[in-house]
Amino acid sequence: MDLSSLPITSVGAAILGAAAILIWRVHESMRPVTARSIVLPPLAMSTGFSMFAVRAFRMPWPWAVGAFLVGAVVFGYPIVATSRLTREGGAIMMRRSRLFIAILLGLAAVRIALRSYVGHIISVEQTAGLFFIIAFGMIVRWRSAMFVEYRRLSRAEGR
């Protein structure tokens, strides 16, 4: 199979992924937040690291560390800044932000643009691995910040 024919599929997958995240985000904001709902997404996503069992996906450690840091610092910051938990009655809820949706769309556009650039430098598999690590860094930072805020709000309720 010739993997060079995948850019259109990759862009389509990125667009579908962004749409799925937006739909999930709207749905998520309608239900109370729990510690489990904060912690499970990064844990579930971590199973994606099994892709690196296949040699074609492997990359040098500095690339992986750099990708994680870019995800956590550069891409994670705007998502953390636009995600807020609030107490509504006895429940902790995610407060919607229109800016959050704009940021997710912007990140999807950056991902598509970078994919075409990076795809010419390294293999398709390594590109997929790098973008997975970037996304993982972003979600770990976001969910860690949410968990800290959730614990703060939970403890405030107990007072």
C-alpha atoms as a PDB file:
ATOM      1  CA  MET A   1       0.000   0.000   0.000  1.00  0.00           C
ATOM      2  CA  ASP A   2       1.341   3.402  -0.977  1.00  0.00           C
ATOM      3  CA  LEU A   3       1.001   5.654   2.076  1.00  0.00           C
ATOM      4  CA  SER A   4       1.768   8.799   0.069  1.00  0.00           C
ATOM      5  CA  SER A   5      -1.886   8.894  -1.008  1.00  0.00           C
ATOM      6  CA  LEU A   6      -3.003   9.545   2.569  1.00  0.00           C
ATOM      7  CA  PRO A   7      -2.896  13.378   2.833  1.00  0.00           C
ATOM      8  CA  ILE A   8      -6.546  13.776   1.810  1.00  0.00           C
ATOM      9  CA  THR A   9      -7.538  11.016   4.212  1.00  0.00           C
ATOM     10  CA  SER A  10      -5.440  12.642   6.929  1.00  0.00           C
ATOM     11  CA  VAL A  11      -7.051  16.049   6.405  1.00  0.00           C
ATOM     12  CA  GLY A  12     -10.483  14.433   6.384  1.00  0.00           C
ATOM     13  CA  ALA A  13      -9.695  12.587   9.601  1.00  0.00           C
ATOM     14  CA  ALA A  14      -8.447  15.817  11.201  1.00  0.00           C
ATOM     15  CA  ILE A  15     -11.650  17.636  10.233  1.00  0.00           C
ATOM     16  CA  LEU A  16     -13.822  14.776  11.503  1.00  0.00           C
ATOM     17  CA  GLY A  17     -11.770  14.645  14.704  1.00  0.00           C
ATOM     18  CA  ALA A  18     -12.197  18.383  15.269  1.00  0.00           C
ATOM     19  CA  ALA A  19     -15.953  18.097  14.652  1.00  0.00           C
ATOM     20  CA  ALA A  20     -16.185  15.167  17.073  1.00  0.00           C
ATOM     21  CA  ILE A  21     -14.317  17.124  19.749  1.00  0.00           C
ATOM     22  CA  LEU A  22     -16.623  20.122  19.297  1.00  0.00           C
ATOM     23  CA  ILE A  23     -19.739  17.949  19.582  1.00  0.00           C
ATOM     24  CA  TRP A  24     -18.282  16.138  22.588  1.00  0.00           C
ATOM     25  CA  ARG A  25     -17.351  19.464  24.198  1.00  0.00           C
ATOM     26  CA  VAL A  26     -20.888  20.830  23.885  1.00  0.00           C
ATOM     27  CA  HIS A  27     -22.335  17.574  25.239  1.00  0.00           C
ATOM     28  CA  GLU A  28     -19.791  17.468  28.079  1.00  0.00           C
ATOM     29  CA  SER A  29     -20.667  20.967  29.239  1.00  0.00           C
ATOM     30  CA  MET A  30     -24.273  19.924  29.878  1.00  0.00           C
ATOM     31  CA  ARG A  31     -23.392  17.293  32.499  1.00  0.00           C
ATOM     32  CA  PRO A  32     -21.694  17.675  35.873  1.00  0.00           C
ATOM     33  CA  VAL A  33     -17.939  17.133  35.852  1.00  0.00           C
ATOM     34  CA  THR A  34     -16.514  14.309  37.944  1.00  0.00           C
ATOM     35  CA  ALA A  35     -12.945  13.335  38.763  1.00  0.00           C
ATOM     36  CA  ARG A  36     -13.465  10.247  36.615  1.00  0.00           C
ATOM     37  CA  SER A  37     -14.599  12.265  33.580  1.00  0.00           C
ATOM     38  CA  ILE A  38     -11.468  14.400  33.892  1.00  0.00           C
ATOM     39  CA  VAL A  39      -8.954  11.576  34.347  1.00  0.00           C
ATOM     40  CA  LEU A  40     -10.289   8.966  31.901  1.00  0.00           C
ATOM     41  CA  PRO A  41      -9.629  10.731  28.544  1.00  0.00           C
ATOM     42  CA  PRO A  42      -5.835  10.973  28.987  1.00  0.00           C
ATOM     43  CA  LEU A  43      -5.719   7.416  30.345  1.00  0.00           C
ATOM     44  CA  ALA A  44      -7.712   6.120  27.377  1.00  0.00           C
ATOM     45  CA  MET A  45      -5.606   8.123  24.959  1.00  0.00           C
ATOM     46  CA  SER A  46      -2.400   6.724  26.450  1.00  0.00           C
ATOM     47  CA  THR A  47      -3.184   3.386  24.796  1.00  0.00           C
ATOM     48  CA  GLY A  48      -2.202   5.095  21.540  1.00  0.00           C
ATOM     49  CA  PHE A  49       1.420   4.829  22.593  1.00  0.00           C
ATOM     50  CA  SER A  50       1.184   1.189  21.508  1.00  0.00           C
ATOM     51  CA  MET A  51       1.711   2.478  17.949  1.00  0.00           C
ATOM     52  CA  PHE A  52       5.379   2.864  18.836  1.00  0.00           C
ATOM     53  CA  ALA A  53       5.668  -0.930  19.083  1.00  0.00           C
ATOM     54  CA  VAL A  54       5.827  -0.771  15.279  1.00  0.00           C
ATOM     55  CA  ARG A  55       9.298   0.315  14.170  1.00  0.00           C
ATOM     56  CA  ALA A  56       7.991   2.668  11.441  1.00  0.00           C
ATOM     57  CA  PHE A  57       6.399   4.940  14.081  1.00  0.00           C
ATOM     58  CA  ARG A  58       9.509   5.270  16.235  1.00  0.00           C
ATOM     59  CA  MET A  59      11.496   8.483  16.441  1.00  0.00           C
ATOM     60  CA  PRO A  60      14.440   9.846  18.432  1.00  0.00           C
ATOM     61  CA  TRP A  61      13.675  10.645  22.094  1.00  0.00           C
ATOM     62  CA  PRO A  62      14.437  14.381  21.693  1.00  0.00           C
ATOM     63  CA  TRP A  63      11.716  14.604  19.026  1.00  0.00           C
ATOM     64  CA  ALA A  64       9.203  12.893  21.317  1.00  0.00           C
ATOM     65  CA  VAL A  65      10.082  15.078  24.313  1.00  0.00           C
ATOM     66  CA  GLY A  66       9.954  18.200  22.138  1.00  0.00           C
ATOM     67  CA  ALA A  67       6.562  17.211  20.714  1.00  0.00           C
ATOM     68  CA  PHE A  68       5.172  16.603  24.211  1.00  0.00           C
ATOM     69  CA  LEU A  69       6.449  19.991  25.416  1.00  0.00           C
ATOM     70  CA  VAL A  70       5.036  21.786  22.360  1.00  0.00           C
ATOM     71  CA  GLY A  71       1.667  20.153  23.029  1.00  0.00           C
ATOM     72  CA  ALA A  72       1.716  20.934  26.749  1.00  0.00           C
ATOM     73  CA  VAL A  73       3.116  24.464  26.583  1.00  0.00           C
ATOM     74  CA  VAL A  74       2.131  25.946  23.212  1.00  0.00           C
ATOM     75  CA  PHE A  75      -1.123  24.161  22.379  1.00  0.00           C
ATOM     76  CA  GLY A  76      -2.223  23.339  25.925  1.00  0.00           C
ATOM     77  CA  TYR A  77      -2.111  26.900  27.238  1.00  0.00           C
ATOM     78  CA  PRO A  78      -5.014  28.347  25.201  1.00  0.00           C
ATOM     79  CA  ILE A  79      -7.253  25.396  26.034  1.00  0.00           C
ATOM     80  CA  VAL A  80      -6.482  25.656  29.752  1.00  0.00           C
ATOM     81  CA  ALA A  81      -7.055  29.423  29.630  1.00  0.00           C
ATOM     82  CA  THR A  82     -10.528  29.026  28.078  1.00  0.00           C
ATOM     83  CA  SER A  83     -11.754  26.098  30.199  1.00  0.00           C
ATOM     84  CA  ARG A  84     -13.357  26.949  33.509  1.00  0.00           C
ATOM     85  CA  LEU A  85     -15.169  24.852  36.054  1.00  0.00           C
ATOM     86  CA  THR A  86     -17.899  26.492  38.101  1.00  0.00           C
ATOM     87  CA  ARG A  87     -20.127  25.392  40.931  1.00  0.00           C
ATOM     88  CA  GLU A  88     -23.824  25.371  40.056  1.00  0.00           C
ATOM     89  CA  GLY A  89     -25.841  24.266  43.027  1.00  0.00           C
ATOM     90  CA  GLY A  90     -24.265  21.055  44.272  1.00  0.00           C
ATOM     91  CA  ALA A  91     -22.634  20.176  40.945  1.00  0.00           C
ATOM     92  CA  ILE A  92     -19.383  21.223  39.326  1.00  0.00           C
ATOM     93  CA  MET A  93     -19.960  22.167  35.690  1.00  0.00           C
ATOM     94  CA  MET A  94     -17.759  23.095  32.753  1.00  0.00           C
ATOM     95  CA  ARG A  95     -18.472  26.673  31.706  1.00  0.00           C
ATOM     96  CA  ARG A  96     -18.796  27.108  27.961  1.00  0.00           C
ATOM     97  CA  SER A  97     -16.545  29.509  26.130  1.00  0.00           C
ATOM     98  CA  ARG A  98     -16.984  30.461  22.483  1.00  0.00           C
ATOM     99  CA  LEU A  99     -13.283  31.227  22.419  1.00  0.00           C
ATOM    100  CA  PHE A 100     -12.602  27.561  23.286  1.00  0.00           C
ATOM    101  CA  ILE A 101     -14.347  26.447  20.089  1.00  0.00           C
ATOM    102  CA  ALA A 102     -12.414  29.021  18.040  1.00  0.00           C
ATOM    103  CA  ILE A 103      -9.158  27.796  19.580  1.00  0.00           C
ATOM    104  CA  LEU A 104      -9.973  24.159  18.775  1.00  0.00           C
ATOM    105  CA  LEU A 105     -10.733  25.108  15.171  1.00  0.00           C
ATOM    106  CA  GLY A 106      -7.498  27.104  15.012  1.00  0.00           C
ATOM    107  CA  LEU A 107      -5.506  24.196  16.425  1.00  0.00           C
ATOM    108  CA  ALA A 108      -7.063  21.870  13.842  1.00  0.00           C
ATOM    109  CA  ALA A 109      -6.058  24.290  11.069  1.00  0.00           C
ATOM    110  CA  VAL A 110      -2.502  24.520  12.431  1.00  0.00           C
ATOM    111  CA  ARG A 111      -2.336  20.733  12.624  1.00  0.00           C
ATOM    112  CA  ILE A 112      -3.422  20.376   8.988  1.00  0.00           C
ATOM    113  CA  ALA A 113      -0.921  23.017   7.833  1.00  0.00           C
ATOM    114  CA  LEU A 114       1.944  21.558   9.851  1.00  0.00           C
ATOM    115  CA  ARG A 115       1.125  18.043   8.722  1.00  0.00           C
ATOM    116  CA  SER A 116       1.703  18.945   5.081  1.00  0.00           C
ATOM    117  CA  TYR A 117       5.011  20.637   5.947  1.00  0.00           C
ATOM    118  CA  VAL A 118       6.321  17.985   8.338  1.00  0.00           C
ATOM    119  CA  GLY A 119       5.069  15.188   6.078  1.00  0.00           C
ATOM    120  CA  HIS A 120       7.693  16.128   3.493  1.00  0.00           C
ATOM    121  CA  ILE A 121      10.521  15.863   6.024  1.00  0.00           C
ATOM    122  CA  ILE A 122       9.731  12.654   7.910  1.00  0.00           C
ATOM    123  CA  SER A 123       7.677   9.534   7.192  1.00  0.00           C
ATOM    124  CA  VAL A 124       3.896   9.451   7.392  1.00  0.00           C
ATOM    125  CA  GLU A 125       4.118   7.123  10.392  1.00  0.00           C
ATOM    126  CA  GLN A 126       6.551   9.352  12.276  1.00  0.00           C
ATOM    127  CA  THR A 127       4.367  12.363  11.491  1.00  0.00           C
ATOM    128  CA  ALA A 128       1.375  10.525  12.969  1.00  0.00           C
ATOM    129  CA  GLY A 129       3.431   9.646  16.043  1.00  0.00           C
ATOM    130  CA  LEU A 130       4.615  13.230  16.522  1.00  0.00           C
ATOM    131  CA  PHE A 131       1.108  14.654  16.247  1.00  0.00           C
ATOM    132  CA  PHE A 132      -0.186  12.011  18.653  1.00  0.00           C
ATOM    133  CA  ILE A 133       2.449  13.031  21.209  1.00  0.00           C
ATOM    134  CA  ILE A 134       1.614  16.727  20.699  1.00  0.00           C
ATOM    135  CA  ALA A 135      -2.087  15.976  21.279  1.00  0.00           C
ATOM    136  CA  PHE A 136      -1.264  13.852  24.320  1.00  0.00           C
ATOM    137  CA  GLY A 137       0.844  16.650  25.829  1.00  0.00           C
ATOM    138  CA  MET A 138      -2.011  19.069  25.241  1.00  0.00           C
ATOM    139  CA  ILE A 139      -4.672  16.864  26.830  1.00  0.00           C
ATOM    140  CA  VAL A 140      -2.486  15.950  29.817  1.00  0.00           C
ATOM    141  CA  ARG A 141      -1.886  19.628  30.604  1.00  0.00           C
ATOM    142  CA  TRP A 142      -5.535  20.538  30.080  1.00  0.00           C
ATOM    143  CA  ARG A 143      -6.917  17.702  32.163  1.00  0.00           C
ATOM    144  CA  SER A 144      -4.310  18.194  34.906  1.00  0.00           C
ATOM    145  CA  ALA A 145      -5.350  21.840  35.240  1.00  0.00           C
ATOM    146  CA  MET A 146      -9.016  20.811  35.253  1.00  0.00           C
ATOM    147  CA  PHE A 147      -8.369  18.209  37.955  1.00  0.00           C
ATOM    148  CA  VAL A 148      -6.611  20.766  40.180  1.00  0.00           C
ATOM    149  CA  GLU A 149      -9.529  23.178  39.734  1.00  0.00           C
ATOM    150  CA  TYR A 150     -12.037  20.370  40.345  1.00  0.00           C
ATOM    151  CA  ARG A 151     -10.314  19.416  43.611  1.00  0.00           C
ATOM    152  CA  ARG A 152     -10.264  23.067  44.698  1.00  0.00           C
ATOM    153  CA  LEU A 153     -14.005  23.412  44.046  1.00  0.00           C
ATOM    154  CA  SER A 154     -14.739  20.045  45.702  1.00  0.00           C
ATOM    155  CA  ARG A 155     -12.845  21.035  48.831  1.00  0.00           C
ATOM    156  CA  ALA A 156     -14.574  24.424  48.939  1.00  0.00           C
ATOM    157  CA  GLU A 157     -17.914  22.597  49.019  1.00  0.00           C
ATOM    158  CA  GLY A 158     -16.847  20.608  52.082  1.00  0.00           C
ATOM    159  CA  ARG A 159     -16.196  23.752  54.143  1.00  0.00           C
END
